[in-house]
Amino acid sequence: MERNKTHNEHLEKWAMFVKNNPAKWKKEHTLFIDAQIIKSWDFYNKLKQTANGREKIKLLRGINLLFTTAK
């Protein structure tokens, strides 16, 4: 599968940002990754509150790890 031109342009821009901002890019990247993790936890918490939500989470994650706080 080949990526589109926009994706490649984004990667090139990010590579230049990393190269030109060695001290700043790690903070930017950390903020992005942290936001992704928070979004996923929000999704799982909302899904957990639906009918059969816990079972759906098990299927999605493929493991029996569930959130310990039930609401």
PDB file of N, CA and C in Angstrom:
ATOM      1  N   MET A   1       0.837  -1.178   0.000  1.00  0.00           N
ATOM      2  CA  MET A   1       0.000   0.000   0.000  1.00  0.00           C
ATOM      3  C   MET A   1       0.888   1.249   0.000  1.00  0.00           C
ATOM      4  N   GLU A   2       0.607   2.144  -0.892  1.00  0.00           N
ATOM      5  CA  GLU A   2       1.412   3.352  -1.023  1.00  0.00           C
ATOM      6  C   GLU A   2       0.704   4.531  -0.359  1.00  0.00           C
ATOM      7  N   ARG A   3       1.462   5.297   0.391  1.00  0.00           N
ATOM      8  CA  ARG A   3       0.896   6.480   1.044  1.00  0.00           C
ATOM      9  C   ARG A   3       0.716   7.596   0.030  1.00  0.00           C
ATOM     10  N   ASN A   4      -0.167   8.515   0.347  1.00  0.00           N
ATOM     11  CA  ASN A   4      -0.387   9.618  -0.579  1.00  0.00           C
ATOM     12  C   ASN A   4       0.668  10.709  -0.418  1.00  0.00           C
ATOM     13  N   LYS A   5       0.640  11.652  -1.342  1.00  0.00           N
ATOM     14  CA  LYS A   5       1.637  12.723  -1.372  1.00  0.00           C
ATOM     15  C   LYS A   5       1.581  13.585  -0.110  1.00  0.00           C
ATOM     16  N   THR A   6       0.398  13.848   0.390  1.00  0.00           N
ATOM     17  CA  THR A   6       0.243  14.685   1.582  1.00  0.00           C
ATOM     18  C   THR A   6       0.945  14.060   2.783  1.00  0.00           C
ATOM     19  N   HIS A   7       0.838  12.741   2.915  1.00  0.00           N
ATOM     20  CA  HIS A   7       1.492  12.054   4.027  1.00  0.00           C
ATOM     21  C   HIS A   7       3.012  12.220   3.939  1.00  0.00           C
ATOM     22  N   ASN A   8       3.547  12.021   2.760  1.00  0.00           N
ATOM     23  CA  ASN A   8       4.994  12.174   2.574  1.00  0.00           C
ATOM     24  C   ASN A   8       5.450  13.601   2.852  1.00  0.00           C
ATOM     25  N   GLU A   9       4.652  14.568   2.427  1.00  0.00           N
ATOM     26  CA  GLU A   9       5.000  15.971   2.690  1.00  0.00           C
ATOM     27  C   GLU A   9       5.000  16.250   4.199  1.00  0.00           C
ATOM     28  N   HIS A  10       4.041  15.686   4.891  1.00  0.00           N
ATOM     29  CA  HIS A  10       3.982  15.870   6.344  1.00  0.00           C
ATOM     30  C   HIS A  10       5.218  15.269   7.014  1.00  0.00           C
ATOM     31  N   LEU A  11       5.613  14.080   6.577  1.00  0.00           N
ATOM     32  CA  LEU A  11       6.810  13.454   7.147  1.00  0.00           C
ATOM     33  C   LEU A  11       8.058  14.292   6.897  1.00  0.00           C
ATOM     34  N   GLU A  12       8.159  14.842   5.702  1.00  0.00           N
ATOM     35  CA  GLU A  12       9.316  15.690   5.389  1.00  0.00           C
ATOM     36  C   GLU A  12       9.327  16.950   6.249  1.00  0.00           C
ATOM     37  N   LYS A  13       8.160  17.554   6.453  1.00  0.00           N
ATOM     38  CA  LYS A  13       8.070  18.750   7.300  1.00  0.00           C
ATOM     39  C   LYS A  13       8.450  18.415   8.743  1.00  0.00           C
ATOM     40  N   TRP A  14       7.977  17.260   9.224  1.00  0.00           N
ATOM     41  CA  TRP A  14       8.302  16.856  10.594  1.00  0.00           C
ATOM     42  C   TRP A  14       9.801  16.594  10.724  1.00  0.00           C
ATOM     43  N   ALA A  15      10.395  15.955   9.740  1.00  0.00           N
ATOM     44  CA  ALA A  15      11.835  15.675   9.772  1.00  0.00           C
ATOM     45  C   ALA A  15      12.629  16.977   9.807  1.00  0.00           C
ATOM     46  N   MET A  16      12.204  17.950   9.044  1.00  0.00           N
ATOM     47  CA  MET A  16      12.894  19.247   9.056  1.00  0.00           C
ATOM     48  C   MET A  16      12.707  19.951  10.399  1.00  0.00           C
ATOM     49  N   PHE A  17      11.526  19.839  10.979  1.00  0.00           N
ATOM     50  CA  PHE A  17      11.278  20.445  12.286  1.00  0.00           C
ATOM     51  C   PHE A  17      12.199  19.826  13.331  1.00  0.00           C
ATOM     52  N   VAL A  18      12.304  18.500  13.321  1.00  0.00           N
ATOM     53  CA  VAL A  18      13.170  17.801  14.276  1.00  0.00           C
ATOM     54  C   VAL A  18      14.621  18.242  14.080  1.00  0.00           C
ATOM     55  N   LYS A  19      15.038  18.306  12.837  1.00  0.00           N
ATOM     56  CA  LYS A  19      16.427  18.685  12.536  1.00  0.00           C
ATOM     57  C   LYS A  19      16.725  20.120  12.963  1.00  0.00           C
ATOM     58  N   ASN A  20      15.785  21.025  12.745  1.00  0.00           N
ATOM     59  CA  ASN A  20      16.019  22.448  13.018  1.00  0.00           C
ATOM     60  C   ASN A  20      15.672  22.864  14.447  1.00  0.00           C
ATOM     61  N   ASN A  21      15.003  21.999  15.205  1.00  0.00           N
ATOM     62  CA  ASN A  21      14.587  22.329  16.570  1.00  0.00           C
ATOM     63  C   ASN A  21      14.902  21.172  17.516  1.00  0.00           C
ATOM     64  N   PRO A  22      16.177  20.870  17.710  1.00  0.00           N
ATOM     65  CA  PRO A  22      16.529  19.692  18.493  1.00  0.00           C
ATOM     66  C   PRO A  22      16.019  19.724  19.939  1.00  0.00           C
ATOM     67  N   ALA A  23      15.877  20.880  20.525  1.00  0.00           N
ATOM     68  CA  ALA A  23      15.428  20.958  21.917  1.00  0.00           C
ATOM     69  C   ALA A  23      13.906  21.004  22.024  1.00  0.00           C
ATOM     70  N   LYS A  24      13.230  21.477  20.995  1.00  0.00           N
ATOM     71  CA  LYS A  24      11.787  21.704  21.073  1.00  0.00           C
ATOM     72  C   LYS A  24      10.956  20.509  20.617  1.00  0.00           C
ATOM     73  N   TRP A  25      11.464  19.698  19.702  1.00  0.00           N
ATOM     74  CA  TRP A  25      10.630  18.660  19.095  1.00  0.00           C
ATOM     75  C   TRP A  25      10.203  17.596  20.087  1.00  0.00           C
ATOM     76  N   LYS A  26      11.043  17.294  21.086  1.00  0.00           N
ATOM     77  CA  LYS A  26      10.677  16.253  22.051  1.00  0.00           C
ATOM     78  C   LYS A  26       9.448  16.663  22.861  1.00  0.00           C
ATOM     79  N   LYS A  27       9.385  17.928  23.250  1.00  0.00           N
ATOM     80  CA  LYS A  27       8.223  18.402  23.998  1.00  0.00           C
ATOM     81  C   LYS A  27       6.975  18.325  23.132  1.00  0.00           C
ATOM     82  N   GLU A  28       7.082  18.754  21.871  1.00  0.00           N
ATOM     83  CA  GLU A  28       5.948  18.696  20.945  1.00  0.00           C
ATOM     84  C   GLU A  28       5.472  17.256  20.772  1.00  0.00           C
ATOM     85  N   HIS A  29       6.408  16.362  20.602  1.00  0.00           N
ATOM     86  CA  HIS A  29       6.078  14.952  20.395  1.00  0.00           C
ATOM     87  C   HIS A  29       5.443  14.355  21.650  1.00  0.00           C
ATOM     88  N   THR A  30       5.966  14.683  22.814  1.00  0.00           N
ATOM     89  CA  THR A  30       5.422  14.190  24.068  1.00  0.00           C
ATOM     90  C   THR A  30       3.985  14.668  24.265  1.00  0.00           C
ATOM     91  N   LEU A  31       3.717  15.929  23.961  1.00  0.00           N
ATOM     92  CA  LEU A  31       2.357  16.455  24.082  1.00  0.00           C
ATOM     93  C   LEU A  31       1.406  15.704  23.158  1.00  0.00           C
ATOM     94  N   PHE A  32       1.852  15.412  21.950  1.00  0.00           N
ATOM     95  CA  PHE A  32       1.029  14.686  20.983  1.00  0.00           C
ATOM     96  C   PHE A  32       0.728  13.272  21.479  1.00  0.00           C
ATOM     97  N   ILE A  33       1.746  12.563  21.915  1.00  0.00           N
ATOM     98  CA  ILE A  33       1.566  11.187  22.386  1.00  0.00           C
ATOM     99  C   ILE A  33       0.665  11.155  23.627  1.00  0.00           C
ATOM    100  N   ASP A  34       0.891  12.080  24.550  1.00  0.00           N
ATOM    101  CA  ASP A  34       0.056  12.148  25.749  1.00  0.00           C
ATOM    102  C   ASP A  34      -1.408  12.387  25.385  1.00  0.00           C
ATOM    103  N   ALA A  35      -1.656  13.261  24.410  1.00  0.00           N
ATOM    104  CA  ALA A  35      -3.024  13.533  23.981  1.00  0.00           C
ATOM    105  C   ALA A  35      -3.664  12.286  23.372  1.00  0.00           C
ATOM    106  N   GLN A  36      -2.899  11.506  22.630  1.00  0.00           N
ATOM    107  CA  GLN A  36      -3.420  10.269  22.046  1.00  0.00           C
ATOM    108  C   GLN A  36      -3.805   9.267  23.136  1.00  0.00           C
ATOM    109  N   ILE A  37      -2.986   9.174  24.151  1.00  0.00           N
ATOM    110  CA  ILE A  37      -3.262   8.250  25.260  1.00  0.00           C
ATOM    111  C   ILE A  37      -4.517   8.682  26.015  1.00  0.00           C
ATOM    112  N   ILE A  38      -4.636   9.968  26.276  1.00  0.00           N
ATOM    113  CA  ILE A  38      -5.813  10.481  26.977  1.00  0.00           C
ATOM    114  C   ILE A  38      -7.077  10.219  26.157  1.00  0.00           C
ATOM    115  N   LYS A  39      -7.011  10.440  24.848  1.00  0.00           N
ATOM    116  CA  LYS A  39      -8.167  10.180  23.981  1.00  0.00           C
ATOM    117  C   LYS A  39      -8.563   8.710  24.025  1.00  0.00           C
ATOM    118  N   SER A  40      -7.581   7.822  24.024  1.00  0.00           N
ATOM    119  CA  SER A  40      -7.915   6.400  24.042  1.00  0.00           C
ATOM    120  C   SER A  40      -8.558   6.013  25.370  1.00  0.00           C
ATOM    121  N   TRP A  41      -8.063   6.547  26.484  1.00  0.00           N
ATOM    122  CA  TRP A  41      -8.671   6.263  27.781  1.00  0.00           C
ATOM    123  C   TRP A  41     -10.097   6.795  27.831  1.00  0.00           C
ATOM    124  N   ASP A  42     -10.334   7.992  27.274  1.00  0.00           N
ATOM    125  CA  ASP A  42     -11.692   8.539  27.227  1.00  0.00           C
ATOM    126  C   ASP A  42     -12.619   7.624  26.432  1.00  0.00           C
ATOM    127  N   PHE A  43     -12.123   7.138  25.305  1.00  0.00           N
ATOM    128  CA  PHE A  43     -12.915   6.234  24.474  1.00  0.00           C
ATOM    129  C   PHE A  43     -13.278   4.969  25.236  1.00  0.00           C
ATOM    130  N   TYR A  44     -12.302   4.351  25.863  1.00  0.00           N
ATOM    131  CA  TYR A  44     -12.561   3.117  26.606  1.00  0.00           C
ATOM    132  C   TYR A  44     -13.505   3.357  27.786  1.00  0.00           C
ATOM    133  N   ASN A  45     -13.372   4.481  28.467  1.00  0.00           N
ATOM    134  CA  ASN A  45     -14.271   4.779  29.580  1.00  0.00           C
ATOM    135  C   ASN A  45     -15.708   4.972  29.101  1.00  0.00           C
ATOM    136  N   LYS A  46     -15.891   5.635  27.949  1.00  0.00           N
ATOM    137  CA  LYS A  46     -17.236   5.793  27.395  1.00  0.00           C
ATOM    138  C   LYS A  46     -17.788   4.457  26.923  1.00  0.00           C
ATOM    139  N   LEU A  47     -16.961   3.671  26.271  1.00  0.00           N
ATOM    140  CA  LEU A  47     -17.395   2.362  25.795  1.00  0.00           C
ATOM    141  C   LEU A  47     -17.763   1.454  26.956  1.00  0.00           C
ATOM    142  N   LYS A  48     -17.013   1.552  28.032  1.00  0.00           N
ATOM    143  CA  LYS A  48     -17.260   0.724  29.219  1.00  0.00           C
ATOM    144  C   LYS A  48     -18.653   0.966  29.791  1.00  0.00           C
ATOM    145  N   GLN A  49     -19.183   2.161  29.609  1.00  0.00           N
ATOM    146  CA  GLN A  49     -20.481   2.513  30.175  1.00  0.00           C
ATOM    147  C   GLN A  49     -21.652   2.109  29.272  1.00  0.00           C
ATOM    148  N   THR A  50     -21.386   1.584  28.096  1.00  0.00           N
ATOM    149  CA  THR A  50     -22.453   1.149  27.198  1.00  0.00           C
ATOM    150  C   THR A  50     -22.829  -0.297  27.501  1.00  0.00           C
ATOM    151  N   ALA A  51     -23.917  -0.730  26.874  1.00  0.00           N
ATOM    152  CA  ALA A  51     -24.342  -2.121  27.036  1.00  0.00           C
ATOM    153  C   ALA A  51     -23.266  -3.039  26.467  1.00  0.00           C
ATOM    154  N   ASN A  52     -22.864  -4.007  27.241  1.00  0.00           N
ATOM    155  CA  ASN A  52     -21.804  -4.957  26.853  1.00  0.00           C
ATOM    156  C   ASN A  52     -20.466  -4.264  26.578  1.00  0.00           C
ATOM    157  N   GLY A  53     -20.281  -3.109  27.169  1.00  0.00           N
ATOM    158  CA  GLY A  53     -19.054  -2.345  26.924  1.00  0.00           C
ATOM    159  C   GLY A  53     -17.797  -3.069  27.350  1.00  0.00           C
ATOM    160  N   ARG A  54     -17.843  -3.702  28.484  1.00  0.00           N
ATOM    161  CA  ARG A  54     -16.648  -4.416  28.978  1.00  0.00           C
ATOM    162  C   ARG A  54     -16.280  -5.573  28.047  1.00  0.00           C
ATOM    163  N   GLU A  55     -17.293  -6.264  27.545  1.00  0.00           N
ATOM    164  CA  GLU A  55     -17.028  -7.369  26.622  1.00  0.00           C
ATOM    165  C   GLU A  55     -16.443  -6.844  25.309  1.00  0.00           C
ATOM    166  N   LYS A  56     -16.947  -5.699  24.854  1.00  0.00           N
ATOM    167  CA  LYS A  56     -16.418  -5.089  23.629  1.00  0.00           C
ATOM    168  C   LYS A  56     -14.955  -4.689  23.813  1.00  0.00           C
ATOM    169  N   ILE A  57     -14.632  -4.167  24.986  1.00  0.00           N
ATOM    170  CA  ILE A  57     -13.242  -3.790  25.269  1.00  0.00           C
ATOM    171  C   ILE A  57     -12.355  -5.025  25.235  1.00  0.00           C
ATOM    172  N   LYS A  58     -12.832  -6.115  25.813  1.00  0.00           N
ATOM    173  CA  LYS A  58     -12.051  -7.352  25.775  1.00  0.00           C
ATOM    174  C   LYS A  58     -11.776  -7.771  24.339  1.00  0.00           C
ATOM    175  N   LEU A  59     -12.795  -7.683  23.500  1.00  0.00           N
ATOM    176  CA  LEU A  59     -12.611  -8.059  22.093  1.00  0.00           C
ATOM    177  C   LEU A  59     -11.651  -7.109  21.377  1.00  0.00           C
ATOM    178  N   LEU A  60     -11.796  -5.817  21.640  1.00  0.00           N
ATOM    179  CA  LEU A  60     -10.935  -4.829  20.994  1.00  0.00           C
ATOM    180  C   LEU A  60      -9.471  -4.977  21.387  1.00  0.00           C
ATOM    181  N   ARG A  61      -9.253  -5.166  22.650  1.00  0.00           N
ATOM    182  CA  ARG A  61      -7.885  -5.226  23.148  1.00  0.00           C
ATOM    183  C   ARG A  61      -7.304  -6.621  23.097  1.00  0.00           C
ATOM    184  N   GLY A  62      -8.176  -7.622  23.026  1.00  0.00           N
ATOM    185  CA  GLY A  62      -7.702  -8.987  22.941  1.00  0.00           C
ATOM    186  C   GLY A  62      -7.122  -9.513  24.245  1.00  0.00           C
ATOM    187  N   ILE A  63      -7.425  -8.827  25.326  1.00  0.00           N
ATOM    188  CA  ILE A  63      -6.922  -9.250  26.629  1.00  0.00           C
ATOM    189  C   ILE A  63      -8.008  -9.045  27.669  1.00  0.00           C
ATOM    190  N   ASN A  64      -7.800  -9.540  28.864  1.00  0.00           N
ATOM    191  CA  ASN A  64      -8.775  -9.392  29.934  1.00  0.00           C
ATOM    192  C   ASN A  64      -8.502  -8.192  30.820  1.00  0.00           C
ATOM    193  N   LEU A  65      -7.631  -7.305  30.401  1.00  0.00           N
ATOM    194  CA  LEU A  65      -7.314  -6.122  31.192  1.00  0.00           C
ATOM    195  C   LEU A  65      -8.469  -5.134  31.112  1.00  0.00           C
ATOM    196  N   LEU A  66      -9.070  -4.856  32.225  1.00  0.00           N
ATOM    197  CA  LEU A  66     -10.163  -3.890  32.295  1.00  0.00           C
ATOM    198  C   LEU A  66      -9.788  -2.781  33.253  1.00  0.00           C
ATOM    199  N   PHE A  67     -10.502  -1.714  33.153  1.00  0.00           N
ATOM    200  CA  PHE A  67     -10.264  -0.608  34.055  1.00  0.00           C
ATOM    201  C   PHE A  67     -10.773  -0.986  35.447  1.00  0.00           C
ATOM    202  N   THR A  68     -10.047  -0.616  36.445  1.00  0.00           N
ATOM    203  CA  THR A  68     -10.354  -1.073  37.798  1.00  0.00           C
ATOM    204  C   THR A  68     -11.450  -0.251  38.457  1.00  0.00           C
ATOM    205  N   THR A  69     -11.707   0.964  37.983  1.00  0.00           N
ATOM    206  CA  THR A  69     -12.734   1.796  38.604  1.00  0.00           C
ATOM    207  C   THR A  69     -13.995   1.734  37.758  1.00  0.00           C
ATOM    208  N   ALA A  70     -15.035   1.178  38.303  1.00  0.00           N
ATOM    209  CA  ALA A  70     -16.322   1.106  37.597  1.00  0.00           C
ATOM    210  C   ALA A  70     -17.191   2.268  38.019  1.00  0.00           C
ATOM    211  N   LYS A  71     -17.884   2.834  37.055  1.00  0.00           N
ATOM    212  CA  LYS A  71     -18.790   3.955  37.347  1.00  0.00           C
ATOM    213  C   LYS A  71     -20.186   3.567  36.969  1.00  0.00           C
TER     214      LYS A  71
END
